[in-house]
């Protein structure tokens, strides 16, 4: 039987993180530990519990039935442990705890995102807060925020789900791009470009951009798919594909004349990015203070 103490809590937290990340390798950067160290901690936890929690190897990471039950129980234990720390911190009027944030990928180059400014403002206060930021897909951000695994998320959400509150933060400009070697890059007649569009291949970046901008009928259906902006750019740079990309992300390649926007007056648009939180309020002063900083930073930017 596992008797709970500080070391046990740490091992349970490692186990939960490994499950959330989908395996040992993916959990390394989150935990700041090597796969070998994580494996040792997991083995010690299994020995203390007297059961096998997961299988790992060439076939990948997979939880056992007992592991699933322990994972659910660990979520309750860790939640209670975190709530206790928050309660005692609030008694002392201190900012203590974690802020878990889900993020759209490739956002560091977006000047409209003021997350850094919000973190800077938050850090002017005395605190013992750990920030955890993860880049995930929009759908995962929504589900994990609803489940409480993220305190908040910032991203593009073309399909909203009930149980979440959506607050618009800023807009992002998206345009249709092709490589400089692409046949469309040398065309100047806009009517001719529009007639030729349907003949070329399109990559879907998996970010919901096509849905968000209501893809015109003149564009072809995607024949390449990826959930990563860098991968989409690689396909576009091949000269074989068109693709929608945020202008801030594409700017590095545009300046080097490696990509060009295709009919930006027709195929570019502004799409809104939102901050999402779980509906029903939070009993977490740390998160409330940080969200206020996020909203304040973006409101200030819009006034400037």
C-alpha atoms as a PDB file:
ATOM      1  CA  UNK A   1       0.000   0.000   0.000  1.00  0.00           C
ATOM      2  CA  UNK A   2       1.220   3.488  -0.847  1.00  0.00           C
ATOM      3  CA  UNK A   3       1.352   5.790   2.171  1.00  0.00           C
ATOM      4  CA  UNK A   4       1.038   9.361   0.940  1.00  0.00           C
ATOM      5  CA  UNK A   5       3.854  11.726   1.771  1.00  0.00           C
ATOM      6  CA  UNK A   6       5.703  14.434  -0.156  1.00  0.00           C
ATOM      7  CA  UNK A   7       7.755  11.935  -2.161  1.00  0.00           C
ATOM      8  CA  UNK A   8       4.602  10.014  -3.081  1.00  0.00           C
ATOM      9  CA  UNK A   9       2.913  13.184  -4.299  1.00  0.00           C
ATOM     10  CA  UNK A  10       5.924  13.904  -6.511  1.00  0.00           C
ATOM     11  CA  UNK A  11       5.824  10.434  -8.059  1.00  0.00           C
ATOM     12  CA  UNK A  12       2.083  10.653  -8.672  1.00  0.00           C
ATOM     13  CA  UNK A  13       2.597  14.026 -10.350  1.00  0.00           C
ATOM     14  CA  UNK A  14       5.240  12.467 -12.620  1.00  0.00           C
ATOM     15  CA  UNK A  15       2.855   9.631 -13.505  1.00  0.00           C
ATOM     16  CA  UNK A  16       0.014  12.034 -14.334  1.00  0.00           C
ATOM     17  CA  UNK A  17       2.334  14.164 -16.484  1.00  0.00           C
ATOM     18  CA  UNK A  18       3.587  11.100 -18.387  1.00  0.00           C
ATOM     19  CA  UNK A  19      -0.006  10.053 -19.114  1.00  0.00           C
ATOM     20  CA  UNK A  20      -1.025  13.579 -20.158  1.00  0.00           C
ATOM     21  CA  UNK A  21       1.973  13.812 -22.493  1.00  0.00           C
ATOM     22  CA  UNK A  22       1.402  10.359 -23.937  1.00  0.00           C
ATOM     23  CA  UNK A  23       4.720   8.833 -22.953  1.00  0.00           C
ATOM     24  CA  UNK A  24       8.102   9.210 -21.327  1.00  0.00           C
ATOM     25  CA  UNK A  25       9.861  11.043 -24.168  1.00  0.00           C
ATOM     26  CA  UNK A  26       7.184  13.713 -24.529  1.00  0.00           C
ATOM     27  CA  UNK A  27       7.141  14.260 -20.749  1.00  0.00           C
ATOM     28  CA  UNK A  28      10.869  15.019 -20.530  1.00  0.00           C
ATOM     29  CA  UNK A  29      10.626  18.703 -21.441  1.00  0.00           C
ATOM     30  CA  UNK A  30       7.604  19.239 -19.175  1.00  0.00           C
ATOM     31  CA  UNK A  31       9.224  17.567 -16.164  1.00  0.00           C
ATOM     32  CA  UNK A  32      12.740  18.772 -16.884  1.00  0.00           C
ATOM     33  CA  UNK A  33      14.085  15.250 -16.400  1.00  0.00           C
ATOM     34  CA  UNK A  34      15.633  12.551 -18.581  1.00  0.00           C
ATOM     35  CA  UNK A  35      13.660   9.530 -19.754  1.00  0.00           C
ATOM     36  CA  UNK A  36      15.861   7.345 -17.541  1.00  0.00           C
ATOM     37  CA  UNK A  37      15.076   9.396 -14.434  1.00  0.00           C
ATOM     38  CA  UNK A  38      11.357   9.346 -15.222  1.00  0.00           C
ATOM     39  CA  UNK A  39      11.521   5.577 -15.756  1.00  0.00           C
ATOM     40  CA  UNK A  40      13.157   5.079 -12.353  1.00  0.00           C
ATOM     41  CA  UNK A  41      10.510   7.176 -10.614  1.00  0.00           C
ATOM     42  CA  UNK A  42       7.732   5.294 -12.377  1.00  0.00           C
ATOM     43  CA  UNK A  43       9.230   1.934 -11.439  1.00  0.00           C
ATOM     44  CA  UNK A  44       9.500   2.985  -7.783  1.00  0.00           C
ATOM     45  CA  UNK A  45       5.853   4.099  -7.830  1.00  0.00           C
ATOM     46  CA  UNK A  46       4.758   0.775  -9.319  1.00  0.00           C
ATOM     47  CA  UNK A  47       6.750  -1.098  -6.653  1.00  0.00           C
ATOM     48  CA  UNK A  48       5.176   0.967  -3.891  1.00  0.00           C
ATOM     49  CA  UNK A  49       1.694   0.323  -5.285  1.00  0.00           C
ATOM     50  CA  UNK A  50       2.372  -3.314  -6.095  1.00  0.00           C
ATOM     51  CA  UNK A  51       0.914  -3.034  -9.588  1.00  0.00           C
ATOM     52  CA  UNK A  52       1.878  -2.283 -13.178  1.00  0.00           C
ATOM     53  CA  UNK A  53       0.621   1.136 -14.252  1.00  0.00           C
ATOM     54  CA  UNK A  54       1.667   1.145 -17.898  1.00  0.00           C
ATOM     55  CA  UNK A  55       3.461  -0.686 -20.655  1.00  0.00           C
ATOM     56  CA  UNK A  56       6.247   1.081 -22.518  1.00  0.00           C
ATOM     57  CA  UNK A  57       8.467  -0.066 -25.308  1.00  0.00           C
ATOM     58  CA  UNK A  58       8.669  -0.237 -29.081  1.00  0.00           C
ATOM     59  CA  UNK A  59       4.885  -0.500 -29.324  1.00  0.00           C
ATOM     60  CA  UNK A  60       4.535   2.816 -27.504  1.00  0.00           C
ATOM     61  CA  UNK A  61       3.082   3.933 -24.201  1.00  0.00           C
ATOM     62  CA  UNK A  62      -0.123   2.274 -22.942  1.00  0.00           C
ATOM     63  CA  UNK A  63      -1.819   2.388 -19.533  1.00  0.00           C
ATOM     64  CA  UNK A  64      -3.106  -0.750 -17.852  1.00  0.00           C
ATOM     65  CA  UNK A  65      -6.607  -0.904 -16.369  1.00  0.00           C
ATOM     66  CA  UNK A  66      -5.077  -0.496 -12.928  1.00  0.00           C
ATOM     67  CA  UNK A  67      -3.076   2.434 -14.268  1.00  0.00           C
ATOM     68  CA  UNK A  68      -6.253   4.163 -15.462  1.00  0.00           C
ATOM     69  CA  UNK A  69      -7.803   3.774 -12.009  1.00  0.00           C
ATOM     70  CA  UNK A  70      -4.659   5.134 -10.320  1.00  0.00           C
ATOM     71  CA  UNK A  71      -4.558   8.034 -12.800  1.00  0.00           C
ATOM     72  CA  UNK A  72      -8.133   9.033 -11.918  1.00  0.00           C
ATOM     73  CA  UNK A  73      -7.403   8.743  -8.197  1.00  0.00           C
ATOM     74  CA  UNK A  74      -4.168  10.713  -8.599  1.00  0.00           C
ATOM     75  CA  UNK A  75      -6.059  13.550 -10.271  1.00  0.00           C
ATOM     76  CA  UNK A  76      -8.242  13.824  -7.172  1.00  0.00           C
ATOM     77  CA  UNK A  77      -5.271  13.670  -4.807  1.00  0.00           C
ATOM     78  CA  UNK A  78      -3.250  16.257  -6.703  1.00  0.00           C
ATOM     79  CA  UNK A  79      -6.294  18.493  -7.005  1.00  0.00           C
ATOM     80  CA  UNK A  80      -6.882  18.344  -3.260  1.00  0.00           C
ATOM     81  CA  UNK A  81      -3.179  18.963  -2.592  1.00  0.00           C
ATOM     82  CA  UNK A  82      -3.202  21.998  -4.899  1.00  0.00           C
ATOM     83  CA  UNK A  83      -6.405  23.346  -3.333  1.00  0.00           C
ATOM     84  CA  UNK A  84      -4.858  23.054   0.130  1.00  0.00           C
ATOM     85  CA  UNK A  85      -1.802  25.021  -0.972  1.00  0.00           C
ATOM     86  CA  UNK A  86      -4.007  27.673  -2.561  1.00  0.00           C
ATOM     87  CA  UNK A  87      -6.200  27.944   0.540  1.00  0.00           C
ATOM     88  CA  UNK A  88      -3.268  28.402   2.896  1.00  0.00           C
ATOM     89  CA  UNK A  89      -1.627  30.866   0.508  1.00  0.00           C
ATOM     90  CA  UNK A  90      -4.783  32.967   0.308  1.00  0.00           C
ATOM     91  CA  UNK A  91      -4.984  33.029   4.097  1.00  0.00           C
ATOM     92  CA  UNK A  92      -1.529  34.610   3.975  1.00  0.00           C
ATOM     93  CA  UNK A  93      -2.557  36.736   0.956  1.00  0.00           C
ATOM     94  CA  UNK A  94       0.201  35.248  -1.180  1.00  0.00           C
ATOM     95  CA  UNK A  95       0.294  34.252  -4.848  1.00  0.00           C
ATOM     96  CA  UNK A  96       1.258  30.587  -4.738  1.00  0.00           C
ATOM     97  CA  UNK A  97       0.451  27.758  -7.132  1.00  0.00           C
ATOM     98  CA  UNK A  98       0.443  27.017 -10.863  1.00  0.00           C
ATOM     99  CA  UNK A  99      -0.935  28.640 -13.989  1.00  0.00           C
ATOM    100  CA  UNK A 100      -1.451  26.090 -16.763  1.00  0.00           C
ATOM    101  CA  UNK A 101      -1.863  27.610 -20.229  1.00  0.00           C
ATOM    102  CA  UNK A 102      -2.741  26.005 -23.559  1.00  0.00           C
ATOM    103  CA  UNK A 103      -1.390  27.839 -26.589  1.00  0.00           C
ATOM    104  CA  UNK A 104      -1.739  27.866 -30.338  1.00  0.00           C
ATOM    105  CA  UNK A 105       1.602  26.969 -31.928  1.00  0.00           C
ATOM    106  CA  UNK A 106       3.861  29.489 -33.690  1.00  0.00           C
ATOM    107  CA  UNK A 107       2.530  32.510 -31.814  1.00  0.00           C
ATOM    108  CA  UNK A 108       5.836  34.053 -30.687  1.00  0.00           C
ATOM    109  CA  UNK A 109       6.091  36.065 -33.922  1.00  0.00           C
ATOM    110  CA  UNK A 110       2.597  37.531 -33.582  1.00  0.00           C
ATOM    111  CA  UNK A 111       2.951  41.130 -32.362  1.00  0.00           C
ATOM    112  CA  UNK A 112      -0.731  41.219 -31.362  1.00  0.00           C
ATOM    113  CA  UNK A 113      -0.228  38.551 -28.687  1.00  0.00           C
ATOM    114  CA  UNK A 114       0.602  40.319 -25.420  1.00  0.00           C
ATOM    115  CA  UNK A 115       1.193  37.255 -23.268  1.00  0.00           C
ATOM    116  CA  UNK A 116       4.780  38.277 -22.505  1.00  0.00           C
ATOM    117  CA  UNK A 117       3.579  41.670 -21.305  1.00  0.00           C
ATOM    118  CA  UNK A 118       1.007  39.992 -19.055  1.00  0.00           C
ATOM    119  CA  UNK A 119       3.631  37.680 -17.550  1.00  0.00           C
ATOM    120  CA  UNK A 120       5.955  40.653 -17.016  1.00  0.00           C
ATOM    121  CA  UNK A 121       3.203  42.499 -15.145  1.00  0.00           C
ATOM    122  CA  UNK A 122       2.367  39.437 -13.069  1.00  0.00           C
ATOM    123  CA  UNK A 123       6.000  39.002 -12.068  1.00  0.00           C
ATOM    124  CA  UNK A 124       6.115  42.504 -10.553  1.00  0.00           C
ATOM    125  CA  UNK A 125       4.235  40.965  -7.616  1.00  0.00           C
ATOM    126  CA  UNK A 126       5.894  38.770  -5.031  1.00  0.00           C
ATOM    127  CA  UNK A 127       4.854  35.229  -5.889  1.00  0.00           C
ATOM    128  CA  UNK A 128       5.727  31.558  -5.868  1.00  0.00           C
ATOM    129  CA  UNK A 129       3.910  30.636  -9.059  1.00  0.00           C
ATOM    130  CA  UNK A 130       4.962  28.067 -11.646  1.00  0.00           C
ATOM    131  CA  UNK A 131       3.869  28.726 -15.242  1.00  0.00           C
ATOM    132  CA  UNK A 132       3.263  25.753 -17.523  1.00  0.00           C
ATOM    133  CA  UNK A 133       2.709  26.557 -21.223  1.00  0.00           C
ATOM    134  CA  UNK A 134       1.885  23.890 -23.798  1.00  0.00           C
ATOM    135  CA  UNK A 135       1.419  24.247 -27.550  1.00  0.00           C
ATOM    136  CA  UNK A 136      -1.538  22.100 -28.581  1.00  0.00           C
ATOM    137  CA  UNK A 137      -4.281  21.922 -31.194  1.00  0.00           C
ATOM    138  CA  UNK A 138      -7.348  24.116 -30.759  1.00  0.00           C
ATOM    139  CA  UNK A 139      -9.605  21.126 -30.099  1.00  0.00           C
ATOM    140  CA  UNK A 140      -7.241  19.846 -27.411  1.00  0.00           C
ATOM    141  CA  UNK A 141      -7.053  23.284 -25.828  1.00  0.00           C
ATOM    142  CA  UNK A 142     -10.827  23.395 -25.517  1.00  0.00           C
ATOM    143  CA  UNK A 143     -11.209  19.879 -24.100  1.00  0.00           C
ATOM    144  CA  UNK A 144      -8.321  20.260 -21.654  1.00  0.00           C
ATOM    145  CA  UNK A 145      -9.566  23.646 -20.474  1.00  0.00           C
ATOM    146  CA  UNK A 146     -13.021  22.185 -19.948  1.00  0.00           C
ATOM    147  CA  UNK A 147     -11.506  19.284 -17.996  1.00  0.00           C
ATOM    148  CA  UNK A 148      -9.485  21.668 -15.832  1.00  0.00           C
ATOM    149  CA  UNK A 149      -6.109  20.484 -17.106  1.00  0.00           C
ATOM    150  CA  UNK A 150      -5.525  24.029 -18.424  1.00  0.00           C
ATOM    151  CA  UNK A 151      -6.549  27.094 -16.443  1.00  0.00           C
ATOM    152  CA  UNK A 152      -6.845  29.053 -19.669  1.00  0.00           C
ATOM    153  CA  UNK A 153      -6.019  28.742 -23.342  1.00  0.00           C
ATOM    154  CA  UNK A 154      -5.385  31.206 -26.144  1.00  0.00           C
ATOM    155  CA  UNK A 155      -6.048  30.246 -29.739  1.00  0.00           C
ATOM    156  CA  UNK A 156      -8.277  30.037 -32.790  1.00  0.00           C
ATOM    157  CA  UNK A 157     -11.599  28.322 -32.121  1.00  0.00           C
ATOM    158  CA  UNK A 158     -13.825  28.056 -35.212  1.00  0.00           C
ATOM    159  CA  UNK A 159     -16.014  25.525 -33.390  1.00  0.00           C
ATOM    160  CA  UNK A 160     -17.098  26.539 -29.900  1.00  0.00           C
ATOM    161  CA  UNK A 161     -18.177  24.088 -27.226  1.00  0.00           C
ATOM    162  CA  UNK A 162     -20.511  24.596 -24.300  1.00  0.00           C
ATOM    163  CA  UNK A 163     -19.067  24.962 -20.828  1.00  0.00           C
ATOM    164  CA  UNK A 164     -16.378  27.460 -21.856  1.00  0.00           C
ATOM    165  CA  UNK A 165     -16.293  31.254 -21.845  1.00  0.00           C
ATOM    166  CA  UNK A 166     -14.695  32.927 -24.885  1.00  0.00           C
ATOM    167  CA  UNK A 167     -13.133  36.399 -24.664  1.00  0.00           C
ATOM    168  CA  UNK A 168     -11.699  37.927 -27.840  1.00  0.00           C
ATOM    169  CA  UNK A 169      -8.140  39.189 -27.370  1.00  0.00           C
ATOM    170  CA  UNK A 170      -6.890  40.187 -30.829  1.00  0.00           C
ATOM    171  CA  UNK A 171      -7.120  39.443 -34.539  1.00  0.00           C
ATOM    172  CA  UNK A 172      -4.594  37.724 -36.766  1.00  0.00           C
ATOM    173  CA  UNK A 173      -4.165  38.386 -40.490  1.00  0.00           C
ATOM    174  CA  UNK A 174      -4.160  35.245 -42.634  1.00  0.00           C
ATOM    175  CA  UNK A 175      -3.268  35.138 -46.337  1.00  0.00           C
ATOM    176  CA  UNK A 176      -2.918  32.592 -49.136  1.00  0.00           C
ATOM    177  CA  UNK A 177       0.733  31.914 -50.042  1.00  0.00           C
ATOM    178  CA  UNK A 178       2.709  30.203 -52.756  1.00  0.00           C
ATOM    179  CA  UNK A 179       6.443  29.755 -53.273  1.00  0.00           C
ATOM    180  CA  UNK A 180       8.309  32.182 -55.519  1.00  0.00           C
ATOM    181  CA  UNK A 181       8.860  29.241 -57.908  1.00  0.00           C
ATOM    182  CA  UNK A 182       5.154  28.450 -58.093  1.00  0.00           C
ATOM    183  CA  UNK A 183       3.470  29.204 -61.470  1.00  0.00           C
ATOM    184  CA  UNK A 184       1.075  31.666 -59.793  1.00  0.00           C
ATOM    185  CA  UNK A 185       3.963  33.764 -58.486  1.00  0.00           C
ATOM    186  CA  UNK A 186       4.738  35.033 -61.983  1.00  0.00           C
ATOM    187  CA  UNK A 187       1.166  35.915 -62.913  1.00  0.00           C
ATOM    188  CA  UNK A 188      -0.007  39.524 -62.733  1.00  0.00           C
ATOM    189  CA  UNK A 189      -3.457  39.279 -64.305  1.00  0.00           C
ATOM    190  CA  UNK A 190      -5.799  38.816 -61.318  1.00  0.00           C
ATOM    191  CA  UNK A 191      -8.628  37.362 -63.380  1.00  0.00           C
ATOM    192  CA  UNK A 192      -6.215  34.824 -64.885  1.00  0.00           C
ATOM    193  CA  UNK A 193      -4.931  33.887 -61.414  1.00  0.00           C
ATOM    194  CA  UNK A 194      -8.463  33.268 -60.234  1.00  0.00           C
ATOM    195  CA  UNK A 195      -9.197  31.089 -63.248  1.00  0.00           C
ATOM    196  CA  UNK A 196      -6.041  29.038 -62.683  1.00  0.00           C
ATOM    197  CA  UNK A 197      -6.395  28.554 -58.904  1.00  0.00           C
ATOM    198  CA  UNK A 198      -8.431  25.378 -59.074  1.00  0.00           C
ATOM    199  CA  UNK A 199      -5.683  23.590 -61.029  1.00  0.00           C
ATOM    200  CA  UNK A 200      -3.158  23.728 -58.199  1.00  0.00           C
ATOM    201  CA  UNK A 201      -2.714  21.757 -54.995  1.00  0.00           C
ATOM    202  CA  UNK A 202      -3.623  23.117 -51.565  1.00  0.00           C
ATOM    203  CA  UNK A 203      -2.219  22.170 -48.161  1.00  0.00           C
ATOM    204  CA  UNK A 204      -4.430  22.270 -45.090  1.00  0.00           C
ATOM    205  CA  UNK A 205      -2.484  23.342 -42.013  1.00  0.00           C
ATOM    206  CA  UNK A 206      -4.981  21.716 -39.671  1.00  0.00           C
ATOM    207  CA  UNK A 207      -5.474  24.945 -37.737  1.00  0.00           C
ATOM    208  CA  UNK A 208      -9.000  25.646 -38.893  1.00  0.00           C
ATOM    209  CA  UNK A 209      -7.874  28.572 -41.054  1.00  0.00           C
ATOM    210  CA  UNK A 210      -9.780  27.303 -44.081  1.00  0.00           C
ATOM    211  CA  UNK A 211     -13.001  27.044 -42.073  1.00  0.00           C
ATOM    212  CA  UNK A 212     -12.424  30.362 -40.341  1.00  0.00           C
ATOM    213  CA  UNK A 213     -12.132  32.298 -43.595  1.00  0.00           C
ATOM    214  CA  UNK A 214     -14.844  30.389 -45.504  1.00  0.00           C
ATOM    215  CA  UNK A 215     -12.626  28.979 -48.260  1.00  0.00           C
ATOM    216  CA  UNK A 216     -13.848  30.290 -51.630  1.00  0.00           C
ATOM    217  CA  UNK A 217     -15.183  27.785 -54.154  1.00  0.00           C
ATOM    218  CA  UNK A 218     -12.468  28.807 -56.630  1.00  0.00           C
ATOM    219  CA  UNK A 219      -9.820  27.162 -54.428  1.00  0.00           C
ATOM    220  CA  UNK A 220      -9.109  23.431 -54.726  1.00  0.00           C
ATOM    221  CA  UNK A 221      -9.781  20.917 -51.980  1.00  0.00           C
ATOM    222  CA  UNK A 222      -6.660  20.160 -49.880  1.00  0.00           C
ATOM    223  CA  UNK A 223      -4.516  17.271 -51.023  1.00  0.00           C
ATOM    224  CA  UNK A 224      -1.903  17.587 -48.256  1.00  0.00           C
ATOM    225  CA  UNK A 225      -2.579  17.781 -44.540  1.00  0.00           C
ATOM    226  CA  UNK A 226      -0.546  18.732 -41.499  1.00  0.00           C
ATOM    227  CA  UNK A 227      -1.187  20.125 -38.042  1.00  0.00           C
ATOM    228  CA  UNK A 228       2.048  22.083 -37.947  1.00  0.00           C
ATOM    229  CA  UNK A 229       2.751  25.511 -39.475  1.00  0.00           C
ATOM    230  CA  UNK A 230       6.403  24.685 -40.146  1.00  0.00           C
ATOM    231  CA  UNK A 231       5.389  21.567 -42.046  1.00  0.00           C
ATOM    232  CA  UNK A 232       2.832  23.572 -44.042  1.00  0.00           C
ATOM    233  CA  UNK A 233       5.527  26.076 -44.941  1.00  0.00           C
ATOM    234  CA  UNK A 234       7.832  23.283 -46.118  1.00  0.00           C
ATOM    235  CA  UNK A 235       5.117  22.024 -48.452  1.00  0.00           C
ATOM    236  CA  UNK A 236       4.508  25.538 -49.782  1.00  0.00           C
ATOM    237  CA  UNK A 237       8.254  26.083 -50.297  1.00  0.00           C
ATOM    238  CA  UNK A 238       8.341  22.964 -52.482  1.00  0.00           C
ATOM    239  CA  UNK A 239       6.601  25.079 -55.115  1.00  0.00           C
ATOM    240  CA  UNK A 240       3.861  22.491 -55.463  1.00  0.00           C
ATOM    241  CA  UNK A 241       1.295  23.741 -52.974  1.00  0.00           C
ATOM    242  CA  UNK A 242      -0.726  26.788 -52.011  1.00  0.00           C
ATOM    243  CA  UNK A 243      -1.547  27.307 -48.363  1.00  0.00           C
ATOM    244  CA  UNK A 244      -3.082  29.683 -45.858  1.00  0.00           C
ATOM    245  CA  UNK A 245      -0.666  31.042 -43.258  1.00  0.00           C
ATOM    246  CA  UNK A 246      -0.665  33.855 -40.691  1.00  0.00           C
ATOM    247  CA  UNK A 247       1.166  36.817 -42.187  1.00  0.00           C
ATOM    248  CA  UNK A 248       3.359  37.244 -39.099  1.00  0.00           C
ATOM    249  CA  UNK A 249       4.541  33.640 -39.479  1.00  0.00           C
ATOM    250  CA  UNK A 250       5.169  33.918 -43.234  1.00  0.00           C
ATOM    251  CA  UNK A 251       6.960  37.271 -42.994  1.00  0.00           C
ATOM    252  CA  UNK A 252      10.431  35.772 -42.515  1.00  0.00           C
ATOM    253  CA  UNK A 253      10.163  33.886 -45.827  1.00  0.00           C
ATOM    254  CA  UNK A 254       8.400  36.752 -47.613  1.00  0.00           C
ATOM    255  CA  UNK A 255      11.247  39.145 -46.807  1.00  0.00           C
ATOM    256  CA  UNK A 256      13.677  36.694 -48.408  1.00  0.00           C
ATOM    257  CA  UNK A 257      11.413  36.513 -51.485  1.00  0.00           C
ATOM    258  CA  UNK A 258      10.803  32.810 -50.904  1.00  0.00           C
ATOM    259  CA  UNK A 259       7.008  33.074 -50.720  1.00  0.00           C
ATOM    260  CA  UNK A 260       4.408  35.481 -52.052  1.00  0.00           C
ATOM    261  CA  UNK A 261       0.841  36.250 -51.060  1.00  0.00           C
ATOM    262  CA  UNK A 262      -1.687  35.252 -53.721  1.00  0.00           C
ATOM    263  CA  UNK A 263      -4.331  37.903 -54.394  1.00  0.00           C
ATOM    264  CA  UNK A 264      -4.181  39.286 -50.821  1.00  0.00           C
ATOM    265  CA  UNK A 265      -7.082  41.628 -51.555  1.00  0.00           C
ATOM    266  CA  UNK A 266      -9.235  38.528 -52.142  1.00  0.00           C
ATOM    267  CA  UNK A 267      -7.721  35.779 -50.021  1.00  0.00           C
ATOM    268  CA  UNK A 268      -6.558  37.519 -46.841  1.00  0.00           C
ATOM    269  CA  UNK A 269      -8.696  38.180 -43.817  1.00  0.00           C
ATOM    270  CA  UNK A 270      -8.664  38.905 -40.103  1.00  0.00           C
ATOM    271  CA  UNK A 271      -9.534  36.026 -37.785  1.00  0.00           C
ATOM    272  CA  UNK A 272     -10.179  36.450 -34.042  1.00  0.00           C
ATOM    273  CA  UNK A 273      -8.173  34.794 -31.301  1.00  0.00           C
ATOM    274  CA  UNK A 274      -9.823  34.178 -27.969  1.00  0.00           C
ATOM    275  CA  UNK A 275      -8.933  33.462 -24.380  1.00  0.00           C
ATOM    276  CA  UNK A 276     -11.012  30.574 -23.070  1.00  0.00           C
ATOM    277  CA  UNK A 277     -11.728  29.535 -19.487  1.00  0.00           C
ATOM    278  CA  UNK A 278     -14.036  27.013 -17.927  1.00  0.00           C
ATOM    279  CA  UNK A 279     -17.484  28.473 -17.290  1.00  0.00           C
ATOM    280  CA  UNK A 280     -18.697  28.707 -13.726  1.00  0.00           C
ATOM    281  CA  UNK A 281     -15.869  30.624 -12.136  1.00  0.00           C
ATOM    282  CA  UNK A 282     -12.630  29.563 -10.488  1.00  0.00           C
ATOM    283  CA  UNK A 283     -11.657  29.213  -6.863  1.00  0.00           C
ATOM    284  CA  UNK A 284      -8.114  30.215  -7.715  1.00  0.00           C
ATOM    285  CA  UNK A 285      -6.894  33.721  -7.008  1.00  0.00           C
ATOM    286  CA  UNK A 286      -3.600  33.159  -8.828  1.00  0.00           C
ATOM    287  CA  UNK A 287      -5.326  32.377 -12.112  1.00  0.00           C
ATOM    288  CA  UNK A 288      -7.788  35.251 -11.652  1.00  0.00           C
ATOM    289  CA  UNK A 289      -4.944  37.719 -11.137  1.00  0.00           C
ATOM    290  CA  UNK A 290      -3.075  36.458 -14.198  1.00  0.00           C
ATOM    291  CA  UNK A 291      -6.162  36.490 -16.442  1.00  0.00           C
ATOM    292  CA  UNK A 292      -6.776  40.099 -15.380  1.00  0.00           C
ATOM    293  CA  UNK A 293      -3.201  40.904 -16.448  1.00  0.00           C
ATOM    294  CA  UNK A 294      -3.770  39.202 -19.825  1.00  0.00           C
ATOM    295  CA  UNK A 295      -6.966  41.138 -20.487  1.00  0.00           C
ATOM    296  CA  UNK A 296      -5.405  44.401 -19.356  1.00  0.00           C
ATOM    297  CA  UNK A 297      -2.351  43.945 -21.591  1.00  0.00           C
ATOM    298  CA  UNK A 298      -4.477  43.338 -24.695  1.00  0.00           C
ATOM    299  CA  UNK A 299      -6.894  46.152 -23.897  1.00  0.00           C
ATOM    300  CA  UNK A 300      -3.953  48.530 -23.552  1.00  0.00           C
ATOM    301  CA  UNK A 301      -2.505  47.397 -26.900  1.00  0.00           C
ATOM    302  CA  UNK A 302      -5.801  48.075 -28.676  1.00  0.00           C
ATOM    303  CA  UNK A 303      -5.869  51.642 -27.371  1.00  0.00           C
ATOM    304  CA  UNK A 304      -2.328  52.421 -28.548  1.00  0.00           C
END
